[in-house]
Amino acid sequence: MAVHEFAIMPQEPQKGQRYDEYEPQKYACIDVPDDAIEDVLPKLNEIDFYHHVVDEPKKGLAYCGITLIPPTSHREFIDAIGENEELANLKALLETALMFGKWIIHFGI
């Protein structure tokens, strides 16, 4: 089964710093089934994220790439998840990141 991986970033990404390497082992990632992400993808496509670098905002997840999710987008992401039980761990991760003002990194499929 294809999975997306999400983790809280220990440090805020800096302008010009690229995240192009698939390295989920560097973070304490949680796995989220692709079919669960697909359920909320239309809502996520309306939220501001960053793809690989924080220099330009983009809408939606980098589905097959790396997404940098700023604290300012966590509330919308949580709202998009709603009460989806398959995404409960992701919702908890987002709530923790929101509480501490941390960025999240997403490694797509």
PDB file of N, CA and C in Angstrom:
ATOM      1  N   MET A   1       0.841  -1.177   0.000  1.00  0.00           N
ATOM      2  CA  MET A   1       0.000   0.000   0.000  1.00  0.00           C
ATOM      3  C   MET A   1       0.892   1.249   0.000  1.00  0.00           C
ATOM      4  N   ALA A   2       0.561   2.191  -0.830  1.00  0.00           N
ATOM      5  CA  ALA A   2       1.310   3.451  -0.895  1.00  0.00           C
ATOM      6  C   ALA A   2       0.993   4.301   0.333  1.00  0.00           C
ATOM      7  N   VAL A   3       2.028   4.962   0.847  1.00  0.00           N
ATOM      8  CA  VAL A   3       1.845   5.820   2.020  1.00  0.00           C
ATOM      9  C   VAL A   3       2.507   7.175   1.810  1.00  0.00           C
ATOM     10  N   HIS A   4       1.973   8.150   2.506  1.00  0.00           N
ATOM     11  CA  HIS A   4       2.579   9.469   2.632  1.00  0.00           C
ATOM     12  C   HIS A   4       3.196   9.501   4.019  1.00  0.00           C
ATOM     13  N   GLU A   5       4.291  10.230   4.172  1.00  0.00           N
ATOM     14  CA  GLU A   5       4.947  10.315   5.471  1.00  0.00           C
ATOM     15  C   GLU A   5       4.986  11.770   5.924  1.00  0.00           C
ATOM     16  N   PHE A   6       4.660  11.996   7.194  1.00  0.00           N
ATOM     17  CA  PHE A   6       4.601  13.332   7.774  1.00  0.00           C
ATOM     18  C   PHE A   6       5.413  13.356   9.062  1.00  0.00           C
ATOM     19  N   ALA A   7       6.077  14.490   9.314  1.00  0.00           N
ATOM     20  CA  ALA A   7       6.827  14.646  10.564  1.00  0.00           C
ATOM     21  C   ALA A   7       6.937  16.121  10.921  1.00  0.00           C
ATOM     22  N   ILE A   8       7.066  16.376  12.206  1.00  0.00           N
ATOM     23  CA  ILE A   8       7.348  17.732  12.680  1.00  0.00           C
ATOM     24  C   ILE A   8       8.821  18.016  12.433  1.00  0.00           C
ATOM     25  N   MET A   9       9.105  19.164  11.853  1.00  0.00           N
ATOM     26  CA  MET A   9      10.491  19.553  11.578  1.00  0.00           C
ATOM     27  C   MET A   9      11.107  20.153  12.844  1.00  0.00           C
ATOM     28  N   PRO A  10      12.329  19.751  13.177  1.00  0.00           N
ATOM     29  CA  PRO A  10      12.962  20.294  14.378  1.00  0.00           C
ATOM     30  C   PRO A  10      13.292  21.779  14.248  1.00  0.00           C
ATOM     31  N   GLN A  11      13.550  22.221  13.002  1.00  0.00           N
ATOM     32  CA  GLN A  11      13.881  23.626  12.766  1.00  0.00           C
ATOM     33  C   GLN A  11      13.090  24.148  11.571  1.00  0.00           C
ATOM     34  N   GLU A  12      12.800  25.426  11.604  1.00  0.00           N
ATOM     35  CA  GLU A  12      12.081  26.068  10.506  1.00  0.00           C
ATOM     36  C   GLU A  12      12.956  26.085   9.257  1.00  0.00           C
ATOM     37  N   PRO A  13      12.408  25.719   8.091  1.00  0.00           N
ATOM     38  CA  PRO A  13      13.193  25.790   6.860  1.00  0.00           C
ATOM     39  C   PRO A  13      13.513  27.243   6.508  1.00  0.00           C
ATOM     40  N   GLN A  14      14.679  27.448   5.916  1.00  0.00           N
ATOM     41  CA  GLN A  14      15.134  28.788   5.562  1.00  0.00           C
ATOM     42  C   GLN A  14      14.963  29.033   4.066  1.00  0.00           C
ATOM     43  N   LYS A  15      14.758  30.295   3.704  1.00  0.00           N
ATOM     44  CA  LYS A  15      14.650  30.656   2.286  1.00  0.00           C
ATOM     45  C   LYS A  15      15.894  30.178   1.544  1.00  0.00           C
ATOM     46  N   GLY A  16      15.681  29.625   0.358  1.00  0.00           N
ATOM     47  CA  GLY A  16      16.769  29.143  -0.472  1.00  0.00           C
ATOM     48  C   GLY A  16      17.209  27.718  -0.165  1.00  0.00           C
ATOM     49  N   GLN A  17      16.829  27.206   0.983  1.00  0.00           N
ATOM     50  CA  GLN A  17      17.192  25.834   1.353  1.00  0.00           C
ATOM     51  C   GLN A  17      16.216  24.887   0.667  1.00  0.00           C
ATOM     52  N   ARG A  18      16.755  23.968  -0.136  1.00  0.00           N
ATOM     53  CA  ARG A  18      15.907  23.030  -0.878  1.00  0.00           C
ATOM     54  C   ARG A  18      15.777  21.712  -0.129  1.00  0.00           C
ATOM     55  N   TYR A  19      14.602  21.155  -0.204  1.00  0.00           N
ATOM     56  CA  TYR A  19      14.321  19.831   0.343  1.00  0.00           C
ATOM     57  C   TYR A  19      13.952  18.942  -0.839  1.00  0.00           C
ATOM     58  N   ASP A  20      14.971  18.326  -1.429  1.00  0.00           N
ATOM     59  CA  ASP A  20      14.769  17.504  -2.617  1.00  0.00           C
ATOM     60  C   ASP A  20      15.021  16.023  -2.366  1.00  0.00           C
ATOM     61  N   GLU A  21      15.642  15.707  -1.249  1.00  0.00           N
ATOM     62  CA  GLU A  21      15.997  14.324  -0.952  1.00  0.00           C
ATOM     63  C   GLU A  21      14.889  13.632  -0.171  1.00  0.00           C
ATOM     64  N   TYR A  22      14.588  12.418  -0.583  1.00  0.00           N
ATOM     65  CA  TYR A  22      13.630  11.600   0.150  1.00  0.00           C
ATOM     66  C   TYR A  22      14.372  11.012   1.347  1.00  0.00           C
ATOM     67  N   GLU A  23      14.173  11.586   2.525  1.00  0.00           N
ATOM     68  CA  GLU A  23      14.886  11.125   3.715  1.00  0.00           C
ATOM     69  C   GLU A  23      13.994  11.122   4.955  1.00  0.00           C
ATOM     70  N   PRO A  24      12.917  10.336   4.918  1.00  0.00           N
ATOM     71  CA  PRO A  24      12.024  10.289   6.082  1.00  0.00           C
ATOM     72  C   PRO A  24      12.702   9.729   7.328  1.00  0.00           C
ATOM     73  N   GLN A  25      13.770   8.958   7.153  1.00  0.00           N
ATOM     74  CA  GLN A  25      14.501   8.406   8.296  1.00  0.00           C
ATOM     75  C   GLN A  25      15.144   9.507   9.138  1.00  0.00           C
ATOM     76  N   LYS A  26      15.290  10.679   8.580  1.00  0.00           N
ATOM     77  CA  LYS A  26      15.879  11.820   9.285  1.00  0.00           C
ATOM     78  C   LYS A  26      14.895  12.425  10.293  1.00  0.00           C
ATOM     79  N   TYR A  27      13.630  12.096  10.140  1.00  0.00           N
ATOM     80  CA  TYR A  27      12.566  12.654  10.974  1.00  0.00           C
ATOM     81  C   TYR A  27      11.778  11.506  11.611  1.00  0.00           C
ATOM     82  N   ALA A  28      11.010  11.803  12.618  1.00  0.00           N
ATOM     83  CA  ALA A  28      10.136  10.794  13.244  1.00  0.00           C
ATOM     84  C   ALA A  28       8.796  10.810  12.509  1.00  0.00           C
ATOM     85  N   CYS A  29       8.777  10.194  11.336  1.00  0.00           N
ATOM     86  CA  CYS A  29       7.597  10.253  10.468  1.00  0.00           C
ATOM     87  C   CYS A  29       6.501   9.292  10.905  1.00  0.00           C
ATOM     88  N   ILE A  30       5.291   9.709  10.611  1.00  0.00           N
ATOM     89  CA  ILE A  30       4.151   8.806  10.711  1.00  0.00           C
ATOM     90  C   ILE A  30       3.708   8.486   9.291  1.00  0.00           C
ATOM     91  N   ASP A  31       3.230   7.274   9.090  1.00  0.00           N
ATOM     92  CA  ASP A  31       2.734   6.850   7.785  1.00  0.00           C
ATOM     93  C   ASP A  31       1.233   7.086   7.708  1.00  0.00           C
ATOM     94  N   VAL A  32       0.803   7.591   6.559  1.00  0.00           N
ATOM     95  CA  VAL A  32      -0.620   7.829   6.321  1.00  0.00           C
ATOM     96  C   VAL A  32      -0.969   7.167   4.986  1.00  0.00           C
ATOM     97  N   PRO A  33      -1.952   6.270   4.971  1.00  0.00           N
ATOM     98  CA  PRO A  33      -2.319   5.595   3.725  1.00  0.00           C
ATOM     99  C   PRO A  33      -2.740   6.588   2.639  1.00  0.00           C
ATOM    100  N   ASP A  34      -2.306   6.284   1.424  1.00  0.00           N
ATOM    101  CA  ASP A  34      -2.629   7.153   0.296  1.00  0.00           C
ATOM    102  C   ASP A  34      -4.134   7.314   0.113  1.00  0.00           C
ATOM    103  N   ASP A  35      -4.893   6.235   0.279  1.00  0.00           N
ATOM    104  CA  ASP A  35      -6.339   6.355   0.065  1.00  0.00           C
ATOM    105  C   ASP A  35      -6.991   7.305   1.067  1.00  0.00           C
ATOM    106  N   ALA A  36      -6.440   7.404   2.275  1.00  0.00           N
ATOM    107  CA  ALA A  36      -6.970   8.350   3.266  1.00  0.00           C
ATOM    108  C   ALA A  36      -6.664   9.789   2.853  1.00  0.00           C
ATOM    109  N   ILE A  37      -5.472  10.016   2.307  1.00  0.00           N
ATOM    110  CA  ILE A  37      -5.105  11.354   1.814  1.00  0.00           C
ATOM    111  C   ILE A  37      -5.994  11.726   0.632  1.00  0.00           C
ATOM    112  N   GLU A  38      -6.237  10.763  -0.247  1.00  0.00           N
ATOM    113  CA  GLU A  38      -7.079  11.041  -1.417  1.00  0.00           C
ATOM    114  C   GLU A  38      -8.469  11.525  -1.014  1.00  0.00           C
ATOM    115  N   ASP A  39      -8.963  11.044   0.127  1.00  0.00           N
ATOM    116  CA  ASP A  39     -10.289  11.460   0.593  1.00  0.00           C
ATOM    117  C   ASP A  39     -10.373  12.964   0.873  1.00  0.00           C
ATOM    118  N   VAL A  40      -9.269  13.568   1.308  1.00  0.00           N
ATOM    119  CA  VAL A  40      -9.282  14.994   1.668  1.00  0.00           C
ATOM    120  C   VAL A  40      -8.497  15.865   0.682  1.00  0.00           C
ATOM    121  N   LEU A  41      -7.966  15.248  -0.365  1.00  0.00           N
ATOM    122  CA  LEU A  41      -7.129  15.977  -1.322  1.00  0.00           C
ATOM    123  C   LEU A  41      -7.799  17.210  -1.923  1.00  0.00           C
ATOM    124  N   PRO A  42      -9.074  17.157  -2.317  1.00  0.00           N
ATOM    125  CA  PRO A  42      -9.692  18.371  -2.868  1.00  0.00           C
ATOM    126  C   PRO A  42      -9.642  19.555  -1.897  1.00  0.00           C
ATOM    127  N   LYS A  43      -9.853  19.298  -0.612  1.00  0.00           N
ATOM    128  CA  LYS A  43      -9.785  20.377   0.381  1.00  0.00           C
ATOM    129  C   LYS A  43      -8.352  20.859   0.564  1.00  0.00           C
ATOM    130  N   LEU A  44      -7.396  19.929   0.526  1.00  0.00           N
ATOM    131  CA  LEU A  44      -5.991  20.310   0.698  1.00  0.00           C
ATOM    132  C   LEU A  44      -5.496  21.156  -0.470  1.00  0.00           C
ATOM    133  N   ASN A  45      -6.096  20.979  -1.633  1.00  0.00           N
ATOM    134  CA  ASN A  45      -5.687  21.751  -2.811  1.00  0.00           C
ATOM    135  C   ASN A  45      -6.043  23.227  -2.706  1.00  0.00           C
ATOM    136  N   GLU A  46      -6.738  23.612  -1.657  1.00  0.00           N
ATOM    137  CA  GLU A  46      -7.085  25.016  -1.419  1.00  0.00           C
ATOM    138  C   GLU A  46      -6.180  25.670  -0.370  1.00  0.00           C
ATOM    139  N   ILE A  47      -5.275  24.896   0.222  1.00  0.00           N
ATOM    140  CA  ILE A  47      -4.450  25.385   1.333  1.00  0.00           C
ATOM    141  C   ILE A  47      -3.055  25.743   0.835  1.00  0.00           C
ATOM    142  N   ASP A  48      -2.483  26.816   1.400  1.00  0.00           N
ATOM    143  CA  ASP A  48      -1.127  27.239   1.039  1.00  0.00           C
ATOM    144  C   ASP A  48      -0.083  26.367   1.723  1.00  0.00           C
ATOM    145  N   PHE A  49       0.767  25.764   0.897  1.00  0.00           N
ATOM    146  CA  PHE A  49       1.910  24.989   1.351  1.00  0.00           C
ATOM    147  C   PHE A  49       3.119  25.448   0.540  1.00  0.00           C
ATOM    148  N   TYR A  50       4.236  24.777   0.717  1.00  0.00           N
ATOM    149  CA  TYR A  50       5.441  25.028  -0.071  1.00  0.00           C
ATOM    150  C   TYR A  50       5.928  23.694  -0.608  1.00  0.00           C
ATOM    151  N   HIS A  51       6.382  23.688  -1.866  1.00  0.00           N
ATOM    152  CA  HIS A  51       6.900  22.472  -2.477  1.00  0.00           C
ATOM    153  C   HIS A  51       8.416  22.573  -2.575  1.00  0.00           C
ATOM    154  N   HIS A  52       9.115  21.796  -1.797  1.00  0.00           N
ATOM    155  CA  HIS A  52      10.569  21.651  -1.807  1.00  0.00           C
ATOM    156  C   HIS A  52      11.354  22.847  -1.286  1.00  0.00           C
ATOM    157  N   VAL A  53      10.795  24.043  -1.295  1.00  0.00           N
ATOM    158  CA  VAL A  53      11.506  25.252  -0.885  1.00  0.00           C
ATOM    159  C   VAL A  53      10.475  26.281  -0.401  1.00  0.00           C
ATOM    160  N   VAL A  54      10.855  27.125   0.558  1.00  0.00           N
ATOM    161  CA  VAL A  54       9.888  28.085   1.115  1.00  0.00           C
ATOM    162  C   VAL A  54       9.867  29.426   0.382  1.00  0.00           C
ATOM    163  N   ASP A  55      10.492  29.481  -0.767  1.00  0.00           N
ATOM    164  CA  ASP A  55      10.552  30.739  -1.505  1.00  0.00           C
ATOM    165  C   ASP A  55       9.240  31.106  -2.199  1.00  0.00           C
ATOM    166  N   GLU A  56       8.424  30.114  -2.546  1.00  0.00           N
ATOM    167  CA  GLU A  56       7.173  30.383  -3.245  1.00  0.00           C
ATOM    168  C   GLU A  56       6.064  29.497  -2.702  1.00  0.00           C
ATOM    169  N   PRO A  57       4.957  30.084  -2.279  1.00  0.00           N
ATOM    170  CA  PRO A  57       3.839  29.248  -1.829  1.00  0.00           C
ATOM    171  C   PRO A  57       3.154  28.556  -3.009  1.00  0.00           C
ATOM    172  N   LYS A  58       2.633  27.389  -2.745  1.00  0.00           N
ATOM    173  CA  LYS A  58       1.857  26.618  -3.726  1.00  0.00           C
ATOM    174  C   LYS A  58       0.590  26.154  -3.033  1.00  0.00           C
ATOM    175  N   LYS A  59      -0.393  25.791  -3.799  1.00  0.00           N
ATOM    176  CA  LYS A  59      -1.631  25.225  -3.251  1.00  0.00           C
ATOM    177  C   LYS A  59      -1.521  23.701  -3.265  1.00  0.00           C
ATOM    178  N   GLY A  60      -1.947  23.075  -2.188  1.00  0.00           N
ATOM    179  CA  GLY A  60      -2.013  21.622  -2.126  1.00  0.00           C
ATOM    180  C   GLY A  60      -0.687  20.952  -1.832  1.00  0.00           C
ATOM    181  N   LEU A  61      -0.776  19.646  -1.574  1.00  0.00           N
ATOM    182  CA  LEU A  61       0.416  18.851  -1.294  1.00  0.00           C
ATOM    183  C   LEU A  61       1.185  18.577  -2.577  1.00  0.00           C
ATOM    184  N   ALA A  62       2.500  18.444  -2.456  1.00  0.00           N
ATOM    185  CA  ALA A  62       3.320  17.916  -3.545  1.00  0.00           C
ATOM    186  C   ALA A  62       3.109  16.401  -3.470  1.00  0.00           C
ATOM    187  N   TYR A  63       2.118  15.918  -4.174  1.00  0.00           N
ATOM    188  CA  TYR A  63       1.626  14.549  -4.024  1.00  0.00           C
ATOM    189  C   TYR A  63       2.738  13.500  -4.143  1.00  0.00           C
ATOM    190  N   CYS A  64       3.628  13.694  -5.093  1.00  0.00           N
ATOM    191  CA  CYS A  64       4.739  12.758  -5.300  1.00  0.00           C
ATOM    192  C   CYS A  64       6.074  13.388  -4.927  1.00  0.00           C
ATOM    193  N   GLY A  65       6.039  14.482  -4.203  1.00  0.00           N
ATOM    194  CA  GLY A  65       7.265  15.183  -3.836  1.00  0.00           C
ATOM    195  C   GLY A  65       7.298  15.495  -2.358  1.00  0.00           C
ATOM    196  N   ILE A  66       7.958  16.594  -2.033  1.00  0.00           N
ATOM    197  CA  ILE A  66       8.132  17.004  -0.641  1.00  0.00           C
ATOM    198  C   ILE A  66       7.396  18.318  -0.420  1.00  0.00           C
ATOM    199  N   THR A  67       6.572  18.340   0.605  1.00  0.00           N
ATOM    200  CA  THR A  67       5.794  19.523   0.960  1.00  0.00           C
ATOM    201  C   THR A  67       6.262  20.040   2.308  1.00  0.00           C
ATOM    202  N   LEU A  68       6.428  21.347   2.404  1.00  0.00           N
ATOM    203  CA  LEU A  68       6.745  22.012   3.668  1.00  0.00           C
ATOM    204  C   LEU A  68       5.473  22.729   4.106  1.00  0.00           C
ATOM    205  N   ILE A  69       4.997  22.380   5.286  1.00  0.00           N
ATOM    206  CA  ILE A  69       3.705  22.871   5.761  1.00  0.00           C
ATOM    207  C   ILE A  69       3.931  23.841   6.912  1.00  0.00           C
ATOM    208  N   PRO A  70       3.641  25.134   6.691  1.00  0.00           N
ATOM    209  CA  PRO A  70       3.887  26.133   7.733  1.00  0.00           C
ATOM    210  C   PRO A  70       2.822  26.090   8.827  1.00  0.00           C
ATOM    211  N   PRO A  71       3.162  26.576  10.010  1.00  0.00           N
ATOM    212  CA  PRO A  71       2.187  26.625  11.107  1.00  0.00           C
ATOM    213  C   PRO A  71       0.911  27.383  10.739  1.00  0.00           C
ATOM    214  N   THR A  72       1.017  28.366   9.852  1.00  0.00           N
ATOM    215  CA  THR A  72      -0.153  29.151   9.459  1.00  0.00           C
ATOM    216  C   THR A  72      -1.184  28.329   8.677  1.00  0.00           C
ATOM    217  N   SER A  73      -0.787  27.160   8.184  1.00  0.00           N
ATOM    218  CA  SER A  73      -1.703  26.304   7.420  1.00  0.00           C
ATOM    219  C   SER A  73      -2.243  25.126   8.228  1.00  0.00           C
ATOM    220  N   HIS A  74      -1.741  24.931   9.430  1.00  0.00           N
ATOM    221  CA  HIS A  74      -2.140  23.756  10.219  1.00  0.00           C
ATOM    222  C   HIS A  74      -3.632  23.738  10.533  1.00  0.00           C
ATOM    223  N   ARG A  75      -4.200  24.872  10.920  1.00  0.00           N
ATOM    224  CA  ARG A  75      -5.613  24.905  11.294  1.00  0.00           C
ATOM    225  C   ARG A  75      -6.492  24.495  10.112  1.00  0.00           C
ATOM    226  N   GLU A  76      -6.199  25.020   8.917  1.00  0.00           N
ATOM    227  CA  GLU A  76      -6.973  24.652   7.728  1.00  0.00           C
ATOM    228  C   GLU A  76      -6.830  23.165   7.418  1.00  0.00           C
ATOM    229  N   PHE A  77      -5.621  22.641   7.584  1.00  0.00           N
ATOM    230  CA  PHE A  77      -5.362  21.221   7.340  1.00  0.00           C
ATOM    231  C   PHE A  77      -6.182  20.382   8.325  1.00  0.00           C
ATOM    232  N   ILE A  78      -6.165  20.757   9.592  1.00  0.00           N
ATOM    233  CA  ILE A  78      -6.942  20.048  10.619  1.00  0.00           C
ATOM    234  C   ILE A  78      -8.430  20.076  10.265  1.00  0.00           C
ATOM    235  N   ASP A  79      -8.910  21.236   9.845  1.00  0.00           N
ATOM    236  CA  ASP A  79     -10.319  21.359   9.459  1.00  0.00           C
ATOM    237  C   ASP A  79     -10.648  20.478   8.253  1.00  0.00           C
ATOM    238  N   ALA A  80      -9.712  20.366   7.310  1.00  0.00           N
ATOM    239  CA  ALA A  80      -9.921  19.528   6.124  1.00  0.00           C
ATOM    240  C   ALA A  80     -10.035  18.054   6.506  1.00  0.00           C
ATOM    241  N   ILE A  81      -9.286  17.640   7.515  1.00  0.00           N
ATOM    242  CA  ILE A  81      -9.329  16.249   7.977  1.00  0.00           C
ATOM    243  C   ILE A  81     -10.663  15.938   8.641  1.00  0.00           C
ATOM    244  N   GLY A  82     -11.171  16.899   9.384  1.00  0.00           N
ATOM    245  CA  GLY A  82     -12.443  16.684  10.076  1.00  0.00           C
ATOM    246  C   GLY A  82     -12.360  15.525  11.048  1.00  0.00           C
ATOM    247  N   GLU A  83     -13.325  14.631  10.982  1.00  0.00           N
ATOM    248  CA  GLU A  83     -13.397  13.484  11.899  1.00  0.00           C
ATOM    249  C   GLU A  83     -12.975  12.181  11.229  1.00  0.00           C
ATOM    250  N   ASN A  84     -12.216  12.258  10.144  1.00  0.00           N
ATOM    251  CA  ASN A  84     -11.751  11.067   9.434  1.00  0.00           C
ATOM    252  C   ASN A  84     -10.849  10.240  10.352  1.00  0.00           C
ATOM    253  N   GLU A  85     -11.316   9.063  10.752  1.00  0.00           N
ATOM    254  CA  GLU A  85     -10.584   8.213  11.703  1.00  0.00           C
ATOM    255  C   GLU A  85      -9.245   7.736  11.153  1.00  0.00           C
ATOM    256  N   GLU A  86      -9.167   7.517   9.839  1.00  0.00           N
ATOM    257  CA  GLU A  86      -7.906   7.072   9.236  1.00  0.00           C
ATOM    258  C   GLU A  86      -6.818   8.135   9.357  1.00  0.00           C
ATOM    259  N   LEU A  87      -7.223   9.369   9.575  1.00  0.00           N
ATOM    260  CA  LEU A  87      -6.271  10.475   9.654  1.00  0.00           C
ATOM    261  C   LEU A  87      -6.109  11.005  11.077  1.00  0.00           C
ATOM    262  N   ALA A  88      -6.536  10.233  12.067  1.00  0.00           N
ATOM    263  CA  ALA A  88      -6.463  10.676  13.466  1.00  0.00           C
ATOM    264  C   ALA A  88      -5.025  10.946  13.908  1.00  0.00           C
ATOM    265  N   ASN A  89      -4.080  10.089  13.507  1.00  0.00           N
ATOM    266  CA  ASN A  89      -2.674  10.306  13.889  1.00  0.00           C
ATOM    267  C   ASN A  89      -2.111  11.563  13.231  1.00  0.00           C
ATOM    268  N   LEU A  90      -2.489  11.796  11.982  1.00  0.00           N
ATOM    269  CA  LEU A  90      -2.045  13.006  11.289  1.00  0.00           C
ATOM    270  C   LEU A  90      -2.640  14.242  11.951  1.00  0.00           C
ATOM    271  N   LYS A  91      -3.898  14.166  12.319  1.00  0.00           N
ATOM    272  CA  LYS A  91      -4.551  15.290  12.999  1.00  0.00           C
ATOM    273  C   LYS A  91      -3.841  15.598  14.315  1.00  0.00           C
ATOM    274  N   ALA A  92      -3.479  14.567  15.072  1.00  0.00           N
ATOM    275  CA  ALA A  92      -2.762  14.757  16.338  1.00  0.00           C
ATOM    276  C   ALA A  92      -1.392  15.386  16.095  1.00  0.00           C
ATOM    277  N   LEU A  93      -0.706  14.961  15.035  1.00  0.00           N
ATOM    278  CA  LEU A  93       0.596  15.539  14.692  1.00  0.00           C
ATOM    279  C   LEU A  93       0.446  17.021  14.359  1.00  0.00           C
ATOM    280  N   LEU A  94      -0.558  17.354  13.568  1.00  0.00           N
ATOM    281  CA  LEU A  94      -0.820  18.748  13.201  1.00  0.00           C
ATOM    282  C   LEU A  94      -1.155  19.595  14.424  1.00  0.00           C
ATOM    283  N   GLU A  95      -1.953  19.055  15.320  1.00  0.00           N
ATOM    284  CA  GLU A  95      -2.317  19.798  16.533  1.00  0.00           C
ATOM    285  C   GLU A  95      -1.097  20.055  17.411  1.00  0.00           C
ATOM    286  N   THR A  96      -0.202  19.080  17.513  1.00  0.00           N
ATOM    287  CA  THR A  96       1.034  19.262  18.283  1.00  0.00           C
ATOM    288  C   THR A  96       1.909  20.325  17.632  1.00  0.00           C
ATOM    289  N   ALA A  97       2.070  20.240  16.316  1.00  0.00           N
ATOM    290  CA  ALA A  97       2.883  21.222  15.594  1.00  0.00           C
ATOM    291  C   ALA A  97       2.291  22.621  15.736  1.00  0.00           C
ATOM    292  N   LEU A  98       0.973  22.725  15.675  1.00  0.00           N
ATOM    293  CA  LEU A  98       0.301  24.016  15.830  1.00  0.00           C
ATOM    294  C   LEU A  98       0.563  24.593  17.220  1.00  0.00           C
ATOM    295  N   MET A  99       0.472  23.753  18.230  1.00  0.00           N
ATOM    296  CA  MET A  99       0.678  24.191  19.613  1.00  0.00           C
ATOM    297  C   MET A  99       2.090  24.761  19.824  1.00  0.00           C
ATOM    298  N   PHE A 100       3.071  24.168  19.143  1.00  0.00           N
ATOM    299  CA  PHE A 100       4.456  24.593  19.333  1.00  0.00           C
ATOM    300  C   PHE A 100       4.980  25.481  18.203  1.00  0.00           C
ATOM    301  N   GLY A 101       4.123  25.826  17.241  1.00  0.00           N
ATOM    302  CA  GLY A 101       4.532  26.695  16.142  1.00  0.00           C
ATOM    303  C   GLY A 101       5.581  26.069  15.241  1.00  0.00           C
ATOM    304  N   LYS A 102       5.484  24.765  15.012  1.00  0.00           N
ATOM    305  CA  LYS A 102       6.479  24.032  14.220  1.00  0.00           C
ATOM    306  C   LYS A 102       5.976  23.755  12.804  1.00  0.00           C
ATOM    307  N   TRP A 103       6.913  23.657  11.886  1.00  0.00           N
ATOM    308  CA  TRP A 103       6.628  23.267  10.518  1.00  0.00           C
ATOM    309  C   TRP A 103       6.509  21.751  10.448  1.00  0.00           C
ATOM    310  N   ILE A 104       5.810  21.273   9.425  1.00  0.00           N
ATOM    311  CA  ILE A 104       5.698  19.840   9.151  1.00  0.00           C
ATOM    312  C   ILE A 104       6.268  19.584   7.763  1.00  0.00           C
ATOM    313  N   ILE A 105       6.952  18.456   7.633  1.00  0.00           N
ATOM    314  CA  ILE A 105       7.432  18.021   6.322  1.00  0.00           C
ATOM    315  C   ILE A 105       6.606  16.815   5.888  1.00  0.00           C
ATOM    316  N   HIS A 106       6.274  16.795   4.606  1.00  0.00           N
ATOM    317  CA  HIS A 106       5.486  15.707   4.012  1.00  0.00           C
ATOM    318  C   HIS A 106       6.302  15.098   2.879  1.00  0.00           C
ATOM    319  N   PHE A 107       6.462  13.792   2.925  1.00  0.00           N
ATOM    320  CA  PHE A 107       7.090  13.049   1.834  1.00  0.00           C
ATOM    321  C   PHE A 107       5.978  12.306   1.109  1.00  0.00           C
ATOM    322  N   GLY A 108       5.733  12.693  -0.136  1.00  0.00           N
ATOM    323  CA  GLY A 108       4.663  12.078  -0.911  1.00  0.00           C
ATOM    324  C   GLY A 108       5.016  10.680  -1.375  1.00  0.00           C
ATOM    325  N   ILE A 109       4.077  10.079  -2.086  1.00  0.00           N
ATOM    326  CA  ILE A 109       4.286   8.699  -2.539  1.00  0.00           C
ATOM    327  C   ILE A 109       5.278   8.634  -3.679  1.00  0.00           C
TER     328      ILE A 109
END
